[in-house]
Amino acid sequence: VQLQGSGGGLVQAGGSLRLSCAASASIFSFLAMGWYRQAPGKDRELIARISNGNMRKYADSVLGRFTISRDNGKNMLHLQMNNLTPEDTAVYYCAADKYGTNQWDNWGQGTLVTVSS
């Protein structure tokens, strides 16, 4: 399955953005999907994960501000980001873990989020 992320842009600190990820095929059977981000000079990190039973996990850095959701019927993954800070500036990637084993085999192309102070 191919993933296409979108929704990035420039936002002021305290603002919100909603990222979306469209899948080219059904994601119903994917046991987990997630959002990673990579800030300049840093490693890529998993910030939000959702199972096909809608169990969610978040990195401490985004807990309480970001919400991950999936719409299996529309083959879509979303990330609602609120109260953004300059530290959230990064390229955001959607990814799929088909078997729920932390083997993220499918990746979107990345969408840039820039938060100005």
N, C-alpha and C. Protein backbone atom coordinates (compact mmCIF):
# COMPACT_ATOMS: atom_id res chain seq x y z
N VAL A 1 0.85 -1.17 0.00
CA VAL A 1 0.00 0.00 0.00
C VAL A 1 0.89 1.23 0.00
N GLN A 2 0.47 2.25 -0.75
CA GLN A 2 1.20 3.52 -0.78
C GLN A 2 0.50 4.52 0.12
N LEU A 3 1.31 5.32 0.82
CA LEU A 3 0.78 6.32 1.74
C LEU A 3 1.16 7.71 1.24
N GLN A 4 0.23 8.63 1.36
CA GLN A 4 0.43 10.01 0.90
C GLN A 4 0.06 10.96 2.01
N GLY A 5 1.07 11.57 2.62
CA GLY A 5 0.82 12.52 3.69
C GLY A 5 0.59 13.91 3.16
N SER A 6 -0.19 14.68 3.92
CA SER A 6 -0.47 16.06 3.54
C SER A 6 -0.88 16.85 4.77
N GLY A 7 -0.98 18.17 4.59
CA GLY A 7 -1.49 19.02 5.65
C GLY A 7 -0.46 19.85 6.38
N GLY A 8 0.81 19.65 6.06
CA GLY A 8 1.83 20.46 6.71
C GLY A 8 1.79 21.91 6.27
N GLY A 9 2.56 22.73 6.96
CA GLY A 9 2.61 24.13 6.61
C GLY A 9 3.28 24.94 7.69
N LEU A 10 3.12 26.24 7.58
CA LEU A 10 3.69 27.18 8.54
C LEU A 10 2.59 27.66 9.48
N VAL A 11 2.87 27.59 10.76
CA VAL A 11 1.88 28.02 11.75
C VAL A 11 2.61 28.72 12.89
N GLN A 12 1.92 29.63 13.54
CA GLN A 12 2.51 30.31 14.69
C GLN A 12 2.40 29.43 15.94
N ALA A 13 3.29 29.66 16.86
CA ALA A 13 3.24 28.94 18.13
C ALA A 13 1.87 29.12 18.77
N GLY A 14 1.35 28.03 19.30
CA GLY A 14 0.02 28.04 19.89
C GLY A 14 -1.07 27.65 18.91
N GLY A 15 -0.72 27.57 17.64
CA GLY A 15 -1.70 27.24 16.62
C GLY A 15 -1.91 25.75 16.46
N SER A 16 -2.71 25.40 15.47
CA SER A 16 -3.07 24.01 15.23
C SER A 16 -2.91 23.66 13.75
N LEU A 17 -2.67 22.40 13.51
CA LEU A 17 -2.66 21.84 12.17
C LEU A 17 -3.23 20.44 12.22
N ARG A 18 -3.78 20.01 11.11
CA ARG A 18 -4.27 18.63 11.00
C ARG A 18 -3.59 17.97 9.82
N LEU A 19 -2.83 16.96 10.10
CA LEU A 19 -2.17 16.19 9.07
C LEU A 19 -3.06 15.03 8.64
N SER A 20 -2.99 14.70 7.38
CA SER A 20 -3.75 13.57 6.86
C SER A 20 -2.83 12.66 6.08
N CYS A 21 -3.21 11.42 6.01
CA CYS A 21 -2.44 10.41 5.27
C CYS A 21 -3.44 9.53 4.54
N ALA A 22 -3.37 9.54 3.23
CA ALA A 22 -4.27 8.75 2.41
C ALA A 22 -3.56 7.48 1.96
N ALA A 23 -4.22 6.36 2.13
CA ALA A 23 -3.66 5.08 1.70
C ALA A 23 -4.27 4.67 0.37
N SER A 24 -3.46 4.02 -0.45
CA SER A 24 -3.92 3.63 -1.79
C SER A 24 -4.76 2.37 -1.77
N ALA A 25 -4.79 1.70 -0.62
CA ALA A 25 -5.58 0.48 -0.49
C ALA A 25 -6.09 0.38 0.93
N SER A 26 -6.84 -0.64 1.19
CA SER A 26 -7.46 -0.79 2.50
C SER A 26 -6.42 -0.88 3.61
N ILE A 27 -6.68 -0.15 4.68
CA ILE A 27 -5.83 -0.22 5.87
C ILE A 27 -6.50 -0.99 6.99
N PHE A 28 -7.65 -1.56 6.68
CA PHE A 28 -8.43 -2.23 7.72
C PHE A 28 -7.63 -3.31 8.42
N SER A 29 -6.81 -4.04 7.68
CA SER A 29 -6.08 -5.16 8.25
C SER A 29 -4.75 -4.76 8.88
N PHE A 30 -4.38 -3.49 8.75
CA PHE A 30 -3.11 -3.06 9.33
C PHE A 30 -3.27 -2.93 10.84
N LEU A 31 -2.50 -3.69 11.57
CA LEU A 31 -2.67 -3.72 13.02
C LEU A 31 -2.28 -2.41 13.68
N ALA A 32 -1.40 -1.67 13.06
CA ALA A 32 -1.01 -0.39 13.64
C ALA A 32 -0.63 0.59 12.54
N MET A 33 -0.94 1.84 12.81
CA MET A 33 -0.47 2.93 11.96
C MET A 33 0.05 4.02 12.88
N GLY A 34 0.90 4.85 12.32
CA GLY A 34 1.50 5.85 13.19
C GLY A 34 2.02 7.05 12.45
N TRP A 35 2.44 8.01 13.27
CA TRP A 35 3.10 9.22 12.77
C TRP A 35 4.48 9.32 13.40
N TYR A 36 5.45 9.50 12.55
CA TYR A 36 6.81 9.78 12.97
C TYR A 36 7.12 11.24 12.62
N ARG A 37 8.15 11.75 13.24
CA ARG A 37 8.66 13.04 12.81
C ARG A 37 10.18 13.06 12.92
N GLN A 38 10.78 13.91 12.10
CA GLN A 38 12.22 14.08 12.14
C GLN A 38 12.54 15.56 12.09
N ALA A 39 13.07 16.03 13.18
CA ALA A 39 13.48 17.43 13.27
C ALA A 39 14.90 17.58 12.72
N PRO A 40 15.26 18.78 12.30
CA PRO A 40 16.62 18.98 11.76
C PRO A 40 17.69 18.52 12.73
N GLY A 41 18.59 17.68 12.24
CA GLY A 41 19.69 17.21 13.06
C GLY A 41 19.35 16.15 14.07
N LYS A 42 18.13 15.65 14.02
CA LYS A 42 17.70 14.65 15.00
C LYS A 42 17.24 13.38 14.30
N ASP A 43 17.16 12.32 15.07
CA ASP A 43 16.68 11.05 14.54
C ASP A 43 15.16 11.10 14.35
N ARG A 44 14.69 10.24 13.47
CA ARG A 44 13.25 10.10 13.31
C ARG A 44 12.67 9.43 14.55
N GLU A 45 11.56 9.94 15.05
CA GLU A 45 10.95 9.39 16.26
C GLU A 45 9.47 9.13 16.04
N LEU A 46 9.01 8.07 16.68
CA LEU A 46 7.59 7.74 16.65
C LEU A 46 6.88 8.61 17.68
N ILE A 47 5.89 9.36 17.26
CA ILE A 47 5.21 10.25 18.20
C ILE A 47 3.78 9.83 18.49
N ALA A 48 3.17 9.06 17.61
CA ALA A 48 1.80 8.63 17.83
C ALA A 48 1.55 7.33 17.09
N ARG A 49 0.84 6.45 17.74
CA ARG A 49 0.56 5.12 17.19
C ARG A 49 -0.88 4.77 17.50
N ILE A 50 -1.56 4.14 16.54
CA ILE A 50 -2.93 3.71 16.76
C ILE A 50 -3.11 2.31 16.22
N SER A 51 -3.73 1.46 17.01
CA SER A 51 -3.98 0.09 16.57
C SER A 51 -5.28 0.04 15.77
N ASN A 52 -5.55 -1.12 15.18
CA ASN A 52 -6.81 -1.22 14.44
C ASN A 52 -8.00 -1.32 15.38
N GLY A 53 -7.74 -1.45 16.67
CA GLY A 53 -8.79 -1.37 17.68
C GLY A 53 -8.85 -0.01 18.33
N ASN A 54 -8.16 0.97 17.72
CA ASN A 54 -8.15 2.37 18.18
C ASN A 54 -7.49 2.57 19.54
N MET A 55 -6.58 1.69 19.90
CA MET A 55 -5.74 1.96 21.07
C MET A 55 -4.63 2.90 20.64
N ARG A 56 -4.43 3.94 21.41
CA ARG A 56 -3.50 5.00 21.04
C ARG A 56 -2.35 5.09 22.03
N LYS A 57 -1.18 5.38 21.48
CA LYS A 57 -0.02 5.66 22.31
C LYS A 57 0.67 6.90 21.75
N TYR A 58 1.21 7.70 22.68
CA TYR A 58 1.85 8.95 22.29
C TYR A 58 3.20 9.09 22.96
N ALA A 59 4.10 9.77 22.27
CA ALA A 59 5.34 10.17 22.91
C ALA A 59 5.03 11.24 23.95
N ASP A 60 5.82 11.27 24.99
CA ASP A 60 5.59 12.25 26.06
C ASP A 60 5.58 13.68 25.52
N SER A 61 6.37 13.92 24.49
CA SER A 61 6.52 15.27 23.97
C SER A 61 5.24 15.81 23.34
N VAL A 62 4.32 14.92 22.96
CA VAL A 62 3.10 15.39 22.29
C VAL A 62 1.84 15.01 23.05
N LEU A 63 2.00 14.25 24.12
CA LEU A 63 0.84 13.78 24.88
C LEU A 63 0.02 14.95 25.38
N GLY A 64 -1.28 14.88 25.13
CA GLY A 64 -2.18 15.94 25.56
C GLY A 64 -2.36 17.04 24.55
N ARG A 65 -1.52 17.06 23.51
CA ARG A 65 -1.63 18.10 22.48
C ARG A 65 -1.99 17.53 21.12
N PHE A 66 -1.53 16.31 20.85
CA PHE A 66 -1.77 15.68 19.55
C PHE A 66 -2.77 14.53 19.71
N THR A 67 -3.56 14.33 18.67
CA THR A 67 -4.51 13.22 18.66
C THR A 67 -4.42 12.50 17.32
N ILE A 68 -4.18 11.20 17.40
CA ILE A 68 -4.14 10.38 16.20
C ILE A 68 -5.48 9.68 16.01
N SER A 69 -5.89 9.57 14.76
CA SER A 69 -7.14 8.87 14.47
C SER A 69 -7.02 8.18 13.11
N ARG A 70 -7.83 7.18 12.93
CA ARG A 70 -7.83 6.48 11.65
C ARG A 70 -9.27 6.24 11.21
N ASP A 71 -9.49 6.31 9.92
CA ASP A 71 -10.79 6.03 9.33
C ASP A 71 -10.60 4.89 8.35
N ASN A 72 -10.86 3.68 8.82
CA ASN A 72 -10.62 2.52 7.97
C ASN A 72 -11.51 2.53 6.73
N GLY A 73 -12.70 3.07 6.86
CA GLY A 73 -13.62 3.09 5.73
C GLY A 73 -13.13 3.97 4.59
N LYS A 74 -12.39 5.03 4.93
CA LYS A 74 -11.87 5.95 3.92
C LYS A 74 -10.37 5.76 3.69
N ASN A 75 -9.79 4.77 4.38
CA ASN A 75 -8.35 4.51 4.25
C ASN A 75 -7.52 5.75 4.56
N MET A 76 -7.87 6.39 5.66
CA MET A 76 -7.22 7.63 6.05
C MET A 76 -6.68 7.55 7.47
N LEU A 77 -5.58 8.24 7.68
CA LEU A 77 -4.98 8.42 9.00
C LEU A 77 -4.83 9.92 9.21
N HIS A 78 -5.09 10.37 10.44
CA HIS A 78 -5.00 11.80 10.72
C HIS A 78 -4.17 12.04 11.97
N LEU A 79 -3.65 13.26 12.06
CA LEU A 79 -2.98 13.70 13.28
C LEU A 79 -3.41 15.14 13.53
N GLN A 80 -4.21 15.33 14.56
CA GLN A 80 -4.60 16.67 14.97
C GLN A 80 -3.56 17.18 15.95
N MET A 81 -2.97 18.33 15.61
CA MET A 81 -1.90 18.89 16.43
C MET A 81 -2.34 20.24 16.95
N ASN A 82 -2.41 20.36 18.26
CA ASN A 82 -2.83 21.60 18.91
C ASN A 82 -1.71 22.16 19.76
N ASN A 83 -1.82 23.44 20.05
CA ASN A 83 -0.86 24.11 20.91
C ASN A 83 0.59 23.83 20.46
N LEU A 84 0.81 24.07 19.20
CA LEU A 84 2.12 23.78 18.62
C LEU A 84 3.18 24.72 19.14
N THR A 85 4.38 24.21 19.25
CA THR A 85 5.53 24.99 19.69
C THR A 85 6.63 24.88 18.63
N PRO A 86 7.60 25.78 18.67
CA PRO A 86 8.71 25.67 17.69
C PRO A 86 9.42 24.33 17.75
N GLU A 87 9.38 23.67 18.88
CA GLU A 87 10.02 22.36 19.01
C GLU A 87 9.29 21.28 18.21
N ASP A 88 8.11 21.57 17.74
CA ASP A 88 7.37 20.62 16.91
C ASP A 88 7.75 20.74 15.43
N THR A 89 8.59 21.69 15.10
CA THR A 89 9.03 21.84 13.72
C THR A 89 9.78 20.60 13.27
N ALA A 90 9.30 19.99 12.20
CA ALA A 90 9.88 18.74 11.72
C ALA A 90 9.19 18.32 10.43
N VAL A 91 9.76 17.32 9.81
CA VAL A 91 9.05 16.62 8.73
C VAL A 91 8.28 15.46 9.36
N TYR A 92 7.01 15.39 9.05
CA TYR A 92 6.15 14.37 9.64
C TYR A 92 5.84 13.30 8.60
N TYR A 93 5.96 12.07 9.04
CA TYR A 93 5.74 10.92 8.16
C TYR A 93 4.65 10.02 8.72
N CYS A 94 3.73 9.61 7.88
CA CYS A 94 2.82 8.55 8.29
C CYS A 94 3.44 7.21 7.92
N ALA A 95 3.08 6.20 8.67
CA ALA A 95 3.66 4.88 8.46
C ALA A 95 2.67 3.81 8.88
N ALA A 96 2.87 2.63 8.33
CA ALA A 96 1.99 1.50 8.62
C ALA A 96 2.79 0.29 9.08
N ASP A 97 2.29 -0.35 10.09
CA ASP A 97 2.89 -1.56 10.66
C ASP A 97 1.85 -2.66 10.51
N LYS A 98 1.92 -3.39 9.42
CA LYS A 98 0.83 -4.29 9.05
C LYS A 98 0.56 -5.36 10.10
N TYR A 99 1.60 -5.87 10.72
CA TYR A 99 1.42 -7.00 11.63
C TYR A 99 1.57 -6.61 13.09
N GLY A 100 1.73 -5.32 13.37
CA GLY A 100 1.82 -4.88 14.74
C GLY A 100 3.09 -5.32 15.45
N THR A 101 4.16 -5.47 14.70
CA THR A 101 5.42 -5.97 15.27
C THR A 101 6.50 -4.90 15.27
N ASN A 102 6.10 -3.64 15.13
CA ASN A 102 7.06 -2.54 15.05
C ASN A 102 7.96 -2.64 13.82
N GLN A 103 7.46 -3.29 12.79
CA GLN A 103 8.14 -3.30 11.50
C GLN A 103 7.36 -2.36 10.59
N TRP A 104 7.81 -1.14 10.53
CA TRP A 104 7.10 -0.10 9.77
C TRP A 104 7.54 -0.18 8.32
N ASP A 105 6.80 -0.92 7.55
CA ASP A 105 7.20 -1.24 6.18
C ASP A 105 6.69 -0.26 5.14
N ASN A 106 5.68 0.51 5.48
CA ASN A 106 5.09 1.43 4.52
C ASN A 106 5.20 2.85 5.06
N TRP A 107 5.69 3.74 4.21
CA TRP A 107 5.92 5.12 4.64
C TRP A 107 5.34 6.11 3.64
N GLY A 108 4.80 7.20 4.18
CA GLY A 108 4.44 8.32 3.34
C GLY A 108 5.68 9.15 3.03
N GLN A 109 5.53 10.12 2.17
CA GLN A 109 6.68 10.86 1.69
C GLN A 109 7.11 11.99 2.62
N GLY A 110 6.34 12.28 3.63
CA GLY A 110 6.71 13.34 4.57
C GLY A 110 6.06 14.66 4.23
N THR A 111 5.64 15.35 5.27
CA THR A 111 5.07 16.69 5.10
C THR A 111 5.70 17.59 6.15
N LEU A 112 6.12 18.78 5.74
CA LEU A 112 6.88 19.67 6.61
C LEU A 112 5.95 20.54 7.44
N VAL A 113 6.21 20.54 8.73
CA VAL A 113 5.51 21.43 9.66
C VAL A 113 6.55 22.39 10.24
N THR A 114 6.27 23.67 10.10
CA THR A 114 7.14 24.70 10.65
C THR A 114 6.34 25.56 11.60
N VAL A 115 6.83 25.65 12.83
CA VAL A 115 6.14 26.45 13.85
C VAL A 115 7.02 27.64 14.19
N SER A 116 6.50 28.82 13.97
CA SER A 116 7.26 30.04 14.25
C SER A 116 6.94 30.55 15.64
N SER A 117 7.93 31.18 16.25
CA SER A 117 7.73 31.69 17.61
C SER A 117 7.15 33.09 17.61
